Amino acid sequence: MKAMILAAGRGERLRPLTDSTPKPLLKANNKALIEYTIEALVKAGIVDIVINLAYLGEQIEAYLGNGSRYQANIQYSHEGESGLETAGGIKKALPLLGSEPFLVINADIACDFPLQTLTHQQVKLAHLVLIKNPRHNPAGDFAISTNHHLNSFDDIKFTFSGIGLYRPELFANLKPGKSALAPLLKAAMTNQQITGALHDGFWMDIGTEERLNALEHALINNQVSKN
């Protein structure tokens, strides 16, 4: 299985830290956020990794290189300065990801979900990992109905973790260019083509300096291992 790490975001909420450093290279406990994600993928046996790049992406490529020092094989999908959003970025990277289901994970999350369980997960068009709603997303994103199918209309919803399995077919009719992922997922949910599972462990979106500091504190005190 191949994996894609989403690393093209601007990181507006982390300014001024991200004015000169891309968010995936911000450090917690002396290690870049994206390095934790790469190490978790390799630990799960997923060594073929694609990383999309936009804002200050040349710094990420220079820092990680071909991935050999992580025992990984890293390829890059360049999106230009502004990026293509999630679905657009995945669409552009499809030639590097191949014809089989692939894992996509945000570069700016901390989570102890066991990624190796996804390597044998059955998937229709997509399978998403959900978590209990954090304070910054109290309404949630998707609900889990019968047979683990997801929908966007039930009252009790959970938050999408930023970890998902996808088939290339989900993006087959998507036009190249900038495009968000949520509308694509919601459309496929109407045909019960998206499944999901709830992760009850540690998860954090490193979207603010406060959360970056909280992650550093947790790592220093051995309260969590990222992914």
C-alpha atoms as a PDB file:
ATOM      1  CA  MET A   1       0.000   0.000   0.000  1.00  0.00           C
ATOM      2  CA  LYS A   2       1.107   3.544  -0.775  1.00  0.00           C
ATOM      3  CA  ALA A   3       0.421   6.605   1.338  1.00  0.00           C
ATOM      4  CA  MET A   4       0.050  10.299   0.672  1.00  0.00           C
ATOM      5  CA  ILE A   5       0.895  12.939   3.266  1.00  0.00           C
ATOM      6  CA  LEU A   6      -0.955  16.213   2.791  1.00  0.00           C
ATOM      7  CA  ALA A   7       1.636  18.933   3.346  1.00  0.00           C
ATOM      8  CA  ALA A   8       0.613  21.777   1.035  1.00  0.00           C
ATOM      9  CA  GLY A   9      -1.293  23.982   3.494  1.00  0.00           C
ATOM     10  CA  ARG A  10      -0.346  27.581   4.258  1.00  0.00           C
ATOM     11  CA  GLY A  11      -0.757  27.292   8.041  1.00  0.00           C
ATOM     12  CA  GLU A  12      -2.409  30.692   8.457  1.00  0.00           C
ATOM     13  CA  ARG A  13      -3.397  30.116  12.096  1.00  0.00           C
ATOM     14  CA  LEU A  14       0.217  29.380  12.988  1.00  0.00           C
ATOM     15  CA  ARG A  15       1.605  32.662  11.697  1.00  0.00           C
ATOM     16  CA  PRO A  16       4.135  34.125  12.251  1.00  0.00           C
ATOM     17  CA  LEU A  17       5.770  30.705  12.776  1.00  0.00           C
ATOM     18  CA  THR A  18       4.794  29.688   9.253  1.00  0.00           C
ATOM     19  CA  ASP A  19       5.868  32.911   7.555  1.00  0.00           C
ATOM     20  CA  SER A  20       9.265  31.390   6.837  1.00  0.00           C
ATOM     21  CA  THR A  21       8.767  27.707   7.731  1.00  0.00           C
ATOM     22  CA  PRO A  22       6.116  25.389   6.250  1.00  0.00           C
ATOM     23  CA  LYS A  23       3.811  23.960   8.906  1.00  0.00           C
ATOM     24  CA  PRO A  24       4.927  20.313   8.417  1.00  0.00           C
ATOM     25  CA  LEU A  25       8.491  21.333   9.359  1.00  0.00           C
ATOM     26  CA  LEU A  26       7.510  22.997  12.637  1.00  0.00           C
ATOM     27  CA  LYS A  27       9.047  21.012  15.466  1.00  0.00           C
ATOM     28  CA  ALA A  28       7.692  19.382  18.592  1.00  0.00           C
ATOM     29  CA  ASN A  29      10.255  17.865  20.942  1.00  0.00           C
ATOM     30  CA  ASN A  30      13.044  18.567  18.408  1.00  0.00           C
ATOM     31  CA  LYS A  31      11.409  16.683  15.534  1.00  0.00           C
ATOM     32  CA  ALA A  32       9.419  18.043  12.590  1.00  0.00           C
ATOM     33  CA  LEU A  33       5.714  17.199  12.601  1.00  0.00           C
ATOM     34  CA  ILE A  34       5.931  15.431   9.258  1.00  0.00           C
ATOM     35  CA  GLU A  35       8.763  13.219  10.513  1.00  0.00           C
ATOM     36  CA  TYR A  36       6.462  11.707  13.141  1.00  0.00           C
ATOM     37  CA  THR A  37       3.980  10.877  10.388  1.00  0.00           C
ATOM     38  CA  ILE A  38       6.627   9.314   8.141  1.00  0.00           C
ATOM     39  CA  GLU A  39       7.961   7.215  11.015  1.00  0.00           C
ATOM     40  CA  ALA A  40       4.440   6.018  11.875  1.00  0.00           C
ATOM     41  CA  LEU A  41       3.821   4.983   8.271  1.00  0.00           C
ATOM     42  CA  VAL A  42       7.106   3.091   8.066  1.00  0.00           C
ATOM     43  CA  LYS A  43       6.349   1.383  11.385  1.00  0.00           C
ATOM     44  CA  ALA A  44       3.046   0.253   9.865  1.00  0.00           C
ATOM     45  CA  GLY A  45       4.899  -1.216   6.886  1.00  0.00           C
ATOM     46  CA  ILE A  46       3.947   1.569   4.482  1.00  0.00           C
ATOM     47  CA  VAL A  47       7.178   2.804   2.926  1.00  0.00           C
ATOM     48  CA  ASP A  48       6.103   4.202  -0.474  1.00  0.00           C
ATOM     49  CA  ILE A  49       5.036   7.755   0.328  1.00  0.00           C
ATOM     50  CA  VAL A  50       3.870  10.681  -1.796  1.00  0.00           C
ATOM     51  CA  ILE A  51       3.964  14.196  -0.325  1.00  0.00           C
ATOM     52  CA  ASN A  52       2.159  17.111  -1.966  1.00  0.00           C
ATOM     53  CA  LEU A  53       3.914  20.467  -1.869  1.00  0.00           C
ATOM     54  CA  ALA A  54       2.861  24.091  -2.306  1.00  0.00           C
ATOM     55  CA  TYR A  55       3.747  26.951   0.057  1.00  0.00           C
ATOM     56  CA  LEU A  56       7.486  26.767   0.884  1.00  0.00           C
ATOM     57  CA  GLY A  57       7.396  23.205  -0.408  1.00  0.00           C
ATOM     58  CA  GLU A  58      11.000  23.329  -1.535  1.00  0.00           C
ATOM     59  CA  GLN A  59      12.008  23.402   2.132  1.00  0.00           C
ATOM     60  CA  ILE A  60      10.118  20.155   2.792  1.00  0.00           C
ATOM     61  CA  GLU A  61      11.713  18.399  -0.172  1.00  0.00           C
ATOM     62  CA  ALA A  62      15.182  19.599   0.812  1.00  0.00           C
ATOM     63  CA  TYR A  63      14.665  18.484   4.417  1.00  0.00           C
ATOM     64  CA  LEU A  64      13.272  15.008   3.711  1.00  0.00           C
ATOM     65  CA  GLY A  65      15.032  14.161   0.474  1.00  0.00           C
ATOM     66  CA  ASN A  66      14.183  10.771  -1.021  1.00  0.00           C
ATOM     67  CA  GLY A  67      13.241   9.356   2.387  1.00  0.00           C
ATOM     68  CA  SER A  68      16.123   6.892   2.610  1.00  0.00           C
ATOM     69  CA  ARG A  69      17.106   7.953   6.125  1.00  0.00           C
ATOM     70  CA  TYR A  70      13.588   6.992   7.273  1.00  0.00           C
ATOM     71  CA  GLN A  71      13.744   3.675   5.365  1.00  0.00           C
ATOM     72  CA  ALA A  72      11.077   5.097   3.061  1.00  0.00           C
ATOM     73  CA  ASN A  73      10.744   5.948  -0.616  1.00  0.00           C
ATOM     74  CA  ILE A  74       9.396   9.509  -0.905  1.00  0.00           C
ATOM     75  CA  GLN A  75       8.075  11.125  -4.088  1.00  0.00           C
ATOM     76  CA  TYR A  76       6.714  14.648  -4.387  1.00  0.00           C
ATOM     77  CA  SER A  77       3.668  16.124  -6.099  1.00  0.00           C
ATOM     78  CA  HIS A  78       4.230  19.831  -6.782  1.00  0.00           C
ATOM     79  CA  GLU A  79       1.088  21.986  -6.809  1.00  0.00           C
ATOM     80  CA  GLY A  80       2.452  25.496  -7.254  1.00  0.00           C
ATOM     81  CA  GLU A  81       2.485  28.266  -4.667  1.00  0.00           C
ATOM     82  CA  SER A  82      -1.179  28.219  -3.622  1.00  0.00           C
ATOM     83  CA  GLY A  83      -2.007  24.503  -3.591  1.00  0.00           C
ATOM     84  CA  LEU A  84      -5.024  22.599  -4.911  1.00  0.00           C
ATOM     85  CA  GLU A  85      -6.927  21.799  -1.670  1.00  0.00           C
ATOM     86  CA  THR A  86      -7.342  18.201  -0.543  1.00  0.00           C
ATOM     87  CA  ALA A  87      -9.289  16.551  -3.377  1.00  0.00           C
ATOM     88  CA  GLY A  88      -7.448  18.535  -6.045  1.00  0.00           C
ATOM     89  CA  GLY A  89      -4.115  17.585  -4.525  1.00  0.00           C
ATOM     90  CA  ILE A  90      -5.005  13.904  -4.407  1.00  0.00           C
ATOM     91  CA  LYS A  91      -6.276  14.035  -8.007  1.00  0.00           C
ATOM     92  CA  LYS A  92      -2.965  15.490  -9.189  1.00  0.00           C
ATOM     93  CA  ALA A  93      -0.980  12.850  -7.289  1.00  0.00           C
ATOM     94  CA  LEU A  94      -2.913   9.845  -8.649  1.00  0.00           C
ATOM     95  CA  PRO A  95      -0.237   8.938 -11.231  1.00  0.00           C
ATOM     96  CA  LEU A  96       2.182   8.479  -8.328  1.00  0.00           C
ATOM     97  CA  LEU A  97      -0.306   6.605  -6.132  1.00  0.00           C
ATOM     98  CA  GLY A  98      -1.270   3.851  -8.554  1.00  0.00           C
ATOM     99  CA  SER A  99      -4.469   1.891  -9.101  1.00  0.00           C
ATOM    100  CA  GLU A 100      -4.888   0.282  -5.672  1.00  0.00           C
ATOM    101  CA  PRO A 101      -6.410   1.792  -2.496  1.00  0.00           C
ATOM    102  CA  PHE A 102      -4.060   4.226  -0.783  1.00  0.00           C
ATOM    103  CA  LEU A 103      -3.827   5.908   2.597  1.00  0.00           C
ATOM    104  CA  VAL A 104      -3.991   9.683   2.961  1.00  0.00           C
ATOM    105  CA  ILE A 105      -2.993  11.410   6.193  1.00  0.00           C
ATOM    106  CA  ASN A 106      -2.651  15.051   7.175  1.00  0.00           C
ATOM    107  CA  ALA A 107       0.875  16.166   8.030  1.00  0.00           C
ATOM    108  CA  ASP A 108      -0.351  18.333  10.910  1.00  0.00           C
ATOM    109  CA  ILE A 109      -2.166  15.854  13.143  1.00  0.00           C
ATOM    110  CA  ALA A 110      -0.994  13.901  16.156  1.00  0.00           C
ATOM    111  CA  CYS A 111      -2.783  10.597  16.640  1.00  0.00           C
ATOM    112  CA  ASP A 112      -2.097   7.173  18.116  1.00  0.00           C
ATOM    113  CA  PHE A 113      -4.365   5.322  15.671  1.00  0.00           C
ATOM    114  CA  PRO A 114      -2.763   1.987  14.622  1.00  0.00           C
ATOM    115  CA  LEU A 115      -2.160   2.676  10.929  1.00  0.00           C
ATOM    116  CA  GLN A 116      -1.213  -0.947  10.244  1.00  0.00           C
ATOM    117  CA  THR A 117      -4.875  -1.946  10.667  1.00  0.00           C
ATOM    118  CA  LEU A 118      -5.710  -0.016   7.514  1.00  0.00           C
ATOM    119  CA  THR A 119      -3.398  -2.109   5.352  1.00  0.00           C
ATOM    120  CA  HIS A 120      -6.012  -4.891   5.284  1.00  0.00           C
ATOM    121  CA  GLN A 121      -9.158  -2.776   5.640  1.00  0.00           C
ATOM    122  CA  GLN A 122     -11.934  -3.420   3.127  1.00  0.00           C
ATOM    123  CA  VAL A 123     -12.835  -0.190   1.310  1.00  0.00           C
ATOM    124  CA  LYS A 124     -15.608   0.731  -1.118  1.00  0.00           C
ATOM    125  CA  LEU A 125     -14.679   4.215  -2.327  1.00  0.00           C
ATOM    126  CA  ALA A 126     -13.285   5.468   0.970  1.00  0.00           C
ATOM    127  CA  HIS A 127     -12.912   4.480   4.613  1.00  0.00           C
ATOM    128  CA  LEU A 128     -12.418   7.299   7.115  1.00  0.00           C
ATOM    129  CA  VAL A 129     -11.123   7.352  10.673  1.00  0.00           C
ATOM    130  CA  LEU A 130     -13.352   9.524  12.877  1.00  0.00           C
ATOM    131  CA  ILE A 131     -12.710  10.855  16.372  1.00  0.00           C
ATOM    132  CA  LYS A 132     -14.811  12.406  19.124  1.00  0.00           C
ATOM    133  CA  ASN A 133     -15.460  16.074  18.461  1.00  0.00           C
ATOM    134  CA  PRO A 134     -12.725  18.395  19.733  1.00  0.00           C
ATOM    135  CA  ARG A 135     -13.531  21.808  21.144  1.00  0.00           C
ATOM    136  CA  HIS A 136     -12.765  23.550  17.858  1.00  0.00           C
ATOM    137  CA  ASN A 137     -15.246  21.356  15.901  1.00  0.00           C
ATOM    138  CA  PRO A 138     -18.153  20.667  18.297  1.00  0.00           C
ATOM    139  CA  ALA A 139     -20.731  19.914  15.583  1.00  0.00           C
ATOM    140  CA  GLY A 140     -18.633  17.187  13.971  1.00  0.00           C
ATOM    141  CA  ASP A 141     -18.470  16.215  10.297  1.00  0.00           C
ATOM    142  CA  PHE A 142     -20.004  12.796   9.623  1.00  0.00           C
ATOM    143  CA  ALA A 143     -22.281  10.296  11.343  1.00  0.00           C
ATOM    144  CA  ILE A 144     -21.855   6.522  11.476  1.00  0.00           C
ATOM    145  CA  SER A 145     -24.956   4.527  10.543  1.00  0.00           C
ATOM    146  CA  THR A 146     -25.554   0.807  10.033  1.00  0.00           C
ATOM    147  CA  ASN A 147     -22.763  -1.352   8.635  1.00  0.00           C
ATOM    148  CA  HIS A 148     -20.270   1.432   9.357  1.00  0.00           C
ATOM    149  CA  HIS A 149     -21.591   3.580   6.493  1.00  0.00           C
ATOM    150  CA  LEU A 150     -21.099   7.309   6.931  1.00  0.00           C
ATOM    151  CA  ASN A 151     -23.599  10.086   6.292  1.00  0.00           C
ATOM    152  CA  SER A 152     -23.767  13.835   6.811  1.00  0.00           C
ATOM    153  CA  PHE A 153     -27.359  14.199   7.981  1.00  0.00           C
ATOM    154  CA  ASP A 154     -27.762  12.335  11.308  1.00  0.00           C
ATOM    155  CA  ASP A 155     -27.762  14.542  14.393  1.00  0.00           C
ATOM    156  CA  ILE A 156     -24.898  12.804  16.213  1.00  0.00           C
ATOM    157  CA  LYS A 157     -21.738  13.386  14.221  1.00  0.00           C
ATOM    158  CA  PHE A 158     -18.037  12.802  14.769  1.00  0.00           C
ATOM    159  CA  THR A 159     -14.992  14.634  13.425  1.00  0.00           C
ATOM    160  CA  PHE A 160     -12.940  13.410  10.484  1.00  0.00           C
ATOM    161  CA  SER A 161      -9.441  12.755  11.815  1.00  0.00           C
ATOM    162  CA  GLY A 162      -7.556  13.493   8.603  1.00  0.00           C
ATOM    163  CA  ILE A 163      -6.768   9.789   8.151  1.00  0.00           C
ATOM    164  CA  GLY A 164      -8.507   7.932   5.344  1.00  0.00           C
ATOM    165  CA  LEU A 165      -8.269   5.133   2.810  1.00  0.00           C
ATOM    166  CA  TYR A 166      -9.311   5.938  -0.749  1.00  0.00           C
ATOM    167  CA  ARG A 167      -9.786   4.202  -4.043  1.00  0.00           C
ATOM    168  CA  PRO A 168      -8.634   6.139  -7.105  1.00  0.00           C
ATOM    169  CA  GLU A 169     -12.131   5.697  -8.549  1.00  0.00           C
ATOM    170  CA  LEU A 170     -13.464   8.262  -6.046  1.00  0.00           C
ATOM    171  CA  PHE A 171     -11.580  10.959  -7.963  1.00  0.00           C
ATOM    172  CA  ALA A 172     -12.173   9.622 -11.491  1.00  0.00           C
ATOM    173  CA  ASN A 173     -14.703  12.282 -12.543  1.00  0.00           C
ATOM    174  CA  LEU A 174     -13.061  15.163 -10.695  1.00  0.00           C
ATOM    175  CA  LYS A 175     -11.681  17.847 -12.971  1.00  0.00           C
ATOM    176  CA  PRO A 176      -8.028  18.785 -12.414  1.00  0.00           C
ATOM    177  CA  GLY A 177      -7.487  21.910 -10.357  1.00  0.00           C
ATOM    178  CA  LYS A 178      -8.437  23.210  -6.940  1.00  0.00           C
ATOM    179  CA  SER A 179     -11.147  21.134  -5.261  1.00  0.00           C
ATOM    180  CA  ALA A 180     -12.278  20.352  -1.699  1.00  0.00           C
ATOM    181  CA  LEU A 181     -12.734  16.806  -0.430  1.00  0.00           C
ATOM    182  CA  ALA A 182     -15.943  17.123   1.626  1.00  0.00           C
ATOM    183  CA  PRO A 183     -18.377  17.565  -1.305  1.00  0.00           C
ATOM    184  CA  LEU A 184     -16.889  14.522  -3.033  1.00  0.00           C
ATOM    185  CA  LEU A 185     -17.284  12.410   0.102  1.00  0.00           C
ATOM    186  CA  LYS A 186     -20.838  13.578   0.776  1.00  0.00           C
ATOM    187  CA  ALA A 187     -21.893  12.737  -2.773  1.00  0.00           C
ATOM    188  CA  ALA A 188     -20.472   9.212  -2.441  1.00  0.00           C
ATOM    189  CA  MET A 189     -22.174   8.798   0.951  1.00  0.00           C
ATOM    190  CA  THR A 190     -25.584   9.006  -0.702  1.00  0.00           C
ATOM    191  CA  ASN A 191     -24.785   5.677  -2.392  1.00  0.00           C
ATOM    192  CA  GLN A 192     -23.311   4.164   0.789  1.00  0.00           C
ATOM    193  CA  GLN A 193     -19.843   4.094  -0.723  1.00  0.00           C
ATOM    194  CA  ILE A 194     -18.048   5.618   2.283  1.00  0.00           C
ATOM    195  CA  THR A 195     -17.453   3.678   5.486  1.00  0.00           C
ATOM    196  CA  GLY A 196     -15.722   4.671   8.689  1.00  0.00           C
ATOM    197  CA  ALA A 197     -14.739   3.747  12.214  1.00  0.00           C
ATOM    198  CA  LEU A 198     -14.416   5.703  15.448  1.00  0.00           C
ATOM    199  CA  HIS A 199     -10.995   6.006  17.082  1.00  0.00           C
ATOM    200  CA  ASP A 200     -11.224   6.563  20.823  1.00  0.00           C
ATOM    201  CA  GLY A 201      -7.545   7.301  21.446  1.00  0.00           C
ATOM    202  CA  PHE A 202      -5.353  10.377  21.326  1.00  0.00           C
ATOM    203  CA  TRP A 203      -5.809  12.892  18.506  1.00  0.00           C
ATOM    204  CA  MET A 204      -4.800  16.499  18.037  1.00  0.00           C
ATOM    205  CA  ASP A 205      -4.975  18.916  15.127  1.00  0.00           C
ATOM    206  CA  ILE A 206      -1.823  21.026  15.336  1.00  0.00           C
ATOM    207  CA  GLY A 207      -3.532  24.088  13.936  1.00  0.00           C
ATOM    208  CA  THR A 208      -2.450  26.702  16.460  1.00  0.00           C
ATOM    209  CA  GLU A 209       0.670  27.568  18.421  1.00  0.00           C
ATOM    210  CA  GLU A 210      -1.153  26.594  21.617  1.00  0.00           C
ATOM    211  CA  ARG A 211      -1.755  23.074  20.286  1.00  0.00           C
ATOM    212  CA  LEU A 212       1.812  22.827  19.016  1.00  0.00           C
ATOM    213  CA  ASN A 213       3.019  23.615  22.532  1.00  0.00           C
ATOM    214  CA  ALA A 214       0.539  21.112  23.980  1.00  0.00           C
ATOM    215  CA  LEU A 215       1.883  18.391  21.694  1.00  0.00           C
ATOM    216  CA  GLU A 216       5.449  19.173  22.720  1.00  0.00           C
ATOM    217  CA  HIS A 217       4.457  18.892  26.388  1.00  0.00           C
ATOM    218  CA  ALA A 218       2.731  15.551  25.750  1.00  0.00           C
ATOM    219  CA  LEU A 219       5.737  14.155  23.867  1.00  0.00           C
ATOM    220  CA  ILE A 220       8.247  15.285  26.477  1.00  0.00           C
ATOM    221  CA  ASN A 221       6.164  13.662  29.198  1.00  0.00           C
ATOM    222  CA  ASN A 222       5.635  10.438  27.219  1.00  0.00           C
ATOM    223  CA  GLN A 223       1.889  10.945  27.210  1.00  0.00           C
ATOM    224  CA  VAL A 224       1.468   9.999  23.582  1.00  0.00           C
ATOM    225  CA  SER A 225       3.419   8.708  20.617  1.00  0.00           C
ATOM    226  CA  LYS A 226       2.399  10.433  17.401  1.00  0.00           C
ATOM    227  CA  ASN A 227       0.256   8.015  15.304  1.00  0.00           C
END
